Amino acid sequence: MAISKLNNIIKIKKENYSFYKIEYGRLNFVFSTSENGLDINCISDEGITNIENIKKWFNVKNIGYLKQIHSDLIYNYDGKIHEGDALIADNDNTAVGIFTADCVPVLLADREKNVIAAVHSGWRGSLKMIVFKTIKKLKKEYGCKEDNIIAVIGPHIMNCCYYVGEEVFNSFSDVKELKGININNNGRLDLKEIIKHQLSFSGIKKENIMFLDMCTYCNENNEFHSYRKNKTSKRNFSFVYIK
């Protein structure tokens, strides 16, 4: 299944910091960069301050996020901080987002129901099919339809750089929904291929699946925090909201 590299992405400035943004009608998908040291996380005072800054920078009232634990736990936004890895909201003036430093941010939005979701999918979350399960929850609890869901796969460590052990590949071989897809590129794990397959398996139209062709590890402009590269505690933040 082919998916589209984004051509309508723009780079915008907020004070001294840069973000990549995609506007799709009323839907807004945003990905922070590490330019000028921007760190957005929930474990430091600086990170929390920058979460609050997003409200001002992007004119949203609430920012939903989670204490991420590489799980398949999915929550409906209620203003609290839960332990989990996917967050759904249908609240006005609310953004939901996830923190990454190599893992895959997947942002989802139903353009008819005005429902949004942010998913954190590293190899463990991908193994647990968290993207597929999030879409299943969108359909069951919010009445979302596959034809109306837009999915954007954000910057992450790509198959050019993501070396993993044989035990990781063996773990994926046990997942029946992922049978028959090639995720091993000479010892490098292709998370995008796994997530793409989950989206396809969920019934999302190929023309509604987009990705940013940016590797957090080897991006030539060094625009993103990468744990593998720098062993950093700093994080990128990817979020979605509806105007």
Protein backbone atom coordinates (compact mmCIF):
# COMPACT_ATOMS: atom_id res chain seq x y z
CA MET A 1 0.00 0.00 0.00
CA ALA A 2 1.42 3.37 -0.98
CA ILE A 3 1.26 6.30 1.37
CA SER A 4 1.92 9.92 0.61
CA LYS A 5 4.93 11.96 1.57
CA LEU A 6 3.60 15.30 2.71
CA ASN A 7 3.95 18.16 0.28
CA ASN A 8 1.75 20.66 2.10
CA ILE A 9 3.85 20.87 5.25
CA ILE A 10 5.07 24.28 6.35
CA LYS A 11 7.71 25.30 8.86
CA ILE A 12 6.54 28.01 11.21
CA LYS A 13 8.20 30.10 13.92
CA LYS A 14 6.90 30.65 17.42
CA GLU A 15 9.22 33.06 19.23
CA ASN A 16 12.68 31.48 18.80
CA TYR A 17 11.37 27.99 18.03
CA SER A 18 10.30 26.12 14.92
CA PHE A 19 7.48 23.68 14.25
CA TYR A 20 6.34 21.71 11.25
CA LYS A 21 2.63 22.12 10.64
CA ILE A 22 0.10 20.52 8.32
CA GLU A 23 -3.32 22.06 7.85
CA TYR A 24 -5.99 19.81 6.42
CA GLY A 25 -9.17 21.85 6.40
CA ARG A 26 -9.89 22.56 10.06
CA LEU A 27 -7.45 19.85 11.19
CA ASN A 28 -4.00 20.93 12.40
CA PHE A 29 -1.11 18.49 12.84
CA VAL A 30 1.98 19.97 14.50
CA PHE A 31 5.47 18.59 15.19
CA SER A 32 8.03 20.42 17.31
CA THR A 33 11.71 20.57 16.44
CA SER A 34 14.76 20.85 18.68
CA GLU A 35 15.78 24.18 17.17
CA ASN A 36 17.30 26.49 19.79
CA GLY A 37 17.02 23.69 22.33
CA LEU A 38 13.23 23.52 22.51
CA ASP A 39 12.32 20.76 24.98
CA ILE A 40 8.69 19.79 25.53
CA ASN A 41 8.14 17.08 28.13
CA CYS A 42 6.23 16.36 31.33
CA ILE A 43 9.21 15.59 33.58
CA SER A 44 10.95 18.96 33.88
CA ASP A 45 9.92 22.49 34.76
CA GLU A 46 11.16 23.70 31.38
CA GLY A 47 9.15 21.03 29.59
CA ILE A 48 5.97 21.86 31.48
CA THR A 49 6.48 25.57 30.80
CA ASN A 50 6.71 24.86 27.09
CA ILE A 51 3.54 22.78 27.19
CA GLU A 52 1.85 25.84 28.64
CA ASN A 53 3.46 27.97 25.95
CA ILE A 54 1.82 25.85 23.26
CA LYS A 55 -1.56 27.08 24.48
CA LYS A 56 -0.45 30.64 23.77
CA TRP A 57 1.46 29.88 20.59
CA PHE A 58 -1.35 27.88 18.95
CA ASN A 59 -4.37 29.44 20.64
CA VAL A 60 -5.75 26.34 22.34
CA LYS A 61 -7.29 26.18 25.78
CA ASN A 62 -6.21 22.71 26.88
CA ILE A 63 -3.28 20.39 26.15
CA GLY A 64 -3.84 16.70 26.79
CA TYR A 65 -0.88 14.36 27.29
CA LEU A 66 0.08 11.19 29.14
CA LYS A 67 2.81 9.68 31.25
CA GLN A 68 3.98 7.32 28.53
CA ILE A 69 4.91 3.74 29.41
CA HIS A 70 5.22 1.89 26.04
CA SER A 71 1.84 0.23 26.51
CA ASP A 72 -1.38 -0.23 24.56
CA LEU A 73 -3.42 1.77 27.07
CA ILE A 74 -5.75 4.31 25.46
CA TYR A 75 -7.60 7.10 27.27
CA ASN A 76 -10.33 9.60 26.56
CA TYR A 77 -9.18 13.07 27.52
CA ASP A 78 -10.58 14.12 30.92
CA GLY A 79 -8.06 16.74 32.02
CA LYS A 80 -6.05 14.23 34.08
CA ILE A 81 -2.62 12.78 33.36
CA HIS A 82 -2.87 9.01 33.02
CA GLU A 83 -0.25 6.35 32.38
CA GLY A 84 -0.70 5.19 28.81
CA ASP A 85 0.24 5.81 25.21
CA ALA A 86 -2.77 7.03 23.25
CA LEU A 87 -5.14 9.88 24.00
CA ILE A 88 -8.46 10.76 22.33
CA ALA A 89 -10.42 14.00 22.60
CA ASP A 90 -13.57 15.54 21.17
CA ASN A 91 -13.40 18.67 23.29
CA ASP A 92 -13.50 22.11 21.73
CA ASN A 93 -10.28 24.10 21.88
CA THR A 94 -8.25 21.10 23.03
CA ALA A 95 -5.05 19.65 21.61
CA VAL A 96 -3.72 16.16 22.39
CA GLY A 97 -0.11 15.19 21.92
CA ILE A 98 2.68 12.78 22.71
CA PHE A 99 6.38 13.06 23.53
CA THR A 100 9.05 11.31 21.47
CA ALA A 101 12.80 11.15 20.98
CA ASP A 102 12.89 8.39 18.32
CA CYS A 103 9.56 6.58 18.78
CA VAL A 104 6.79 7.19 16.27
CA PRO A 105 4.15 9.88 16.79
CA VAL A 106 0.91 9.02 15.01
CA LEU A 107 -1.74 11.74 14.87
CA LEU A 108 -5.33 10.89 13.90
CA ALA A 109 -8.35 13.07 13.22
CA ASP A 110 -11.91 12.43 12.04
CA ARG A 111 -12.82 15.37 9.83
CA GLU A 112 -16.57 14.77 10.23
CA LYS A 113 -16.89 13.91 13.92
CA ASN A 114 -14.23 16.41 15.08
CA VAL A 115 -12.48 13.74 17.10
CA ILE A 116 -8.68 13.70 17.44
CA ALA A 117 -6.12 11.24 18.81
CA ALA A 118 -2.39 11.15 19.48
CA VAL A 119 -0.57 7.82 19.65
CA HIS A 120 2.92 6.98 20.94
CA SER A 121 4.17 3.91 19.07
CA GLY A 122 7.70 2.70 19.65
CA TRP A 123 8.54 -0.90 18.87
CA ARG A 124 6.71 -2.13 21.96
CA GLY A 125 3.59 -0.12 21.19
CA SER A 126 3.77 -1.20 17.56
CA LEU A 127 4.07 -4.82 18.68
CA LYS A 128 0.94 -4.33 20.80
CA MET A 129 -0.92 -2.83 17.80
CA ILE A 130 -1.71 0.40 19.64
CA VAL A 131 -2.54 2.34 16.46
CA PHE A 132 -5.00 -0.34 15.34
CA LYS A 133 -6.56 -0.44 18.82
CA THR A 134 -6.90 3.34 18.95
CA ILE A 135 -8.78 3.39 15.66
CA LYS A 136 -10.98 0.56 16.90
CA LYS A 137 -11.84 2.68 19.95
CA LEU A 138 -12.54 5.72 17.75
CA LYS A 139 -15.02 3.69 15.75
CA LYS A 140 -16.66 1.96 18.70
CA GLU A 141 -16.95 4.84 21.17
CA TYR A 142 -17.09 7.92 18.95
CA GLY A 143 -18.82 6.59 15.86
CA CYS A 144 -15.89 7.46 13.61
CA LYS A 145 -15.81 6.00 10.12
CA GLU A 146 -12.67 4.81 8.38
CA ASP A 147 -13.29 6.99 5.33
CA ASN A 148 -13.18 10.16 7.43
CA ILE A 149 -10.03 9.48 9.45
CA ILE A 150 -6.82 11.30 8.49
CA ALA A 151 -3.55 9.80 9.77
CA VAL A 152 -0.17 11.50 9.89
CA ILE A 153 2.99 9.60 10.84
CA GLY A 154 5.53 12.01 12.28
CA PRO A 155 9.34 12.15 12.52
CA HIS A 156 10.92 9.09 14.14
CA ILE A 157 13.97 6.88 13.85
CA MET A 158 13.49 5.32 10.43
CA ASN A 159 14.63 2.06 8.88
CA CYS A 160 17.81 3.75 7.70
CA CYS A 161 19.07 3.87 11.29
CA TYR A 162 16.99 1.69 13.63
CA TYR A 163 19.09 -1.40 14.36
CA VAL A 164 17.46 -3.88 16.76
CA GLY A 165 18.24 -7.38 17.97
CA GLU A 166 16.90 -10.60 16.50
CA GLU A 167 14.67 -11.06 19.53
CA VAL A 168 12.70 -7.96 18.53
CA PHE A 169 12.10 -9.26 15.01
CA ASN A 170 11.11 -12.63 16.48
CA SER A 171 8.53 -10.90 18.68
CA PHE A 172 6.82 -9.43 15.63
CA SER A 173 6.73 -12.80 13.87
CA ASP A 174 4.16 -13.94 16.45
CA VAL A 175 1.63 -11.20 15.56
CA LYS A 176 -0.84 -12.69 13.08
CA GLU A 177 -2.04 -9.27 11.88
CA LEU A 178 1.50 -8.44 10.74
CA LYS A 179 2.16 -11.63 8.81
CA GLY A 180 3.52 -11.18 5.33
CA ILE A 181 4.98 -7.68 5.64
CA ASN A 182 8.69 -6.96 5.42
CA ILE A 183 9.84 -5.07 8.51
CA ASN A 184 13.50 -6.19 8.52
CA ASN A 185 15.87 -4.08 6.42
CA ASN A 186 19.22 -5.79 7.03
CA GLY A 187 18.75 -5.74 10.79
CA ARG A 188 16.97 -2.39 10.86
CA LEU A 189 13.35 -2.28 12.01
CA ASP A 190 10.82 -0.46 9.83
CA LEU A 191 8.30 1.01 12.27
CA LYS A 192 6.61 3.04 9.54
CA GLU A 193 5.80 -0.14 7.62
CA ILE A 194 4.27 -1.71 10.74
CA ILE A 195 2.14 1.34 11.47
CA LYS A 196 1.16 1.73 7.83
CA HIS A 197 -0.07 -1.86 7.89
CA GLN A 198 -2.08 -1.23 11.07
CA LEU A 199 -3.74 1.76 9.43
CA SER A 200 -4.52 -0.25 6.31
CA PHE A 201 -5.78 -3.16 8.42
CA SER A 202 -8.07 -0.66 10.18
CA GLY A 203 -9.61 0.37 6.86
CA ILE A 204 -8.02 3.83 6.56
CA LYS A 205 -7.89 4.96 2.93
CA LYS A 206 -4.38 5.11 1.48
CA GLU A 207 -4.95 8.70 0.33
CA ASN A 208 -5.70 9.64 3.96
CA ILE A 209 -2.38 8.33 5.28
CA MET A 210 0.55 10.75 5.19
CA PHE A 211 4.04 10.85 6.64
CA LEU A 212 6.90 13.23 7.27
CA ASP A 213 10.01 11.78 5.66
CA MET A 214 12.29 12.86 8.51
CA CYS A 215 14.48 10.57 10.60
CA THR A 216 15.14 11.83 14.12
CA TYR A 217 18.55 10.09 14.14
CA CYS A 218 20.12 11.12 10.82
CA ASN A 219 18.16 14.22 9.78
CA GLU A 220 20.80 16.31 8.05
CA ASN A 221 19.76 19.47 9.87
CA ASN A 222 19.75 17.73 13.28
CA GLU A 223 16.26 19.11 13.88
CA PHE A 224 14.93 16.60 16.38
CA HIS A 225 15.83 15.17 19.76
CA SER A 226 17.08 11.59 19.41
CA TYR A 227 17.63 9.40 22.44
CA ARG A 228 19.67 6.87 20.50
CA LYS A 229 21.93 9.54 19.07
CA ASN A 230 22.39 11.81 22.08
CA LYS A 231 21.04 9.85 25.09
CA THR A 232 18.96 12.91 25.83
CA SER A 233 16.05 13.34 28.22
CA LYS A 234 14.71 16.13 26.01
CA ARG A 235 11.65 15.41 23.90
CA ASN A 236 9.87 16.43 20.72
CA PHE A 237 6.13 17.02 21.01
CA SER A 238 3.62 16.11 18.32
CA PHE A 239 0.02 17.24 18.66
CA VAL A 240 -3.24 17.66 16.82
CA TYR A 241 -6.09 20.10 17.25
CA ILE A 242 -9.14 21.36 15.38
CA LYS A 243 -9.62 25.04 14.59
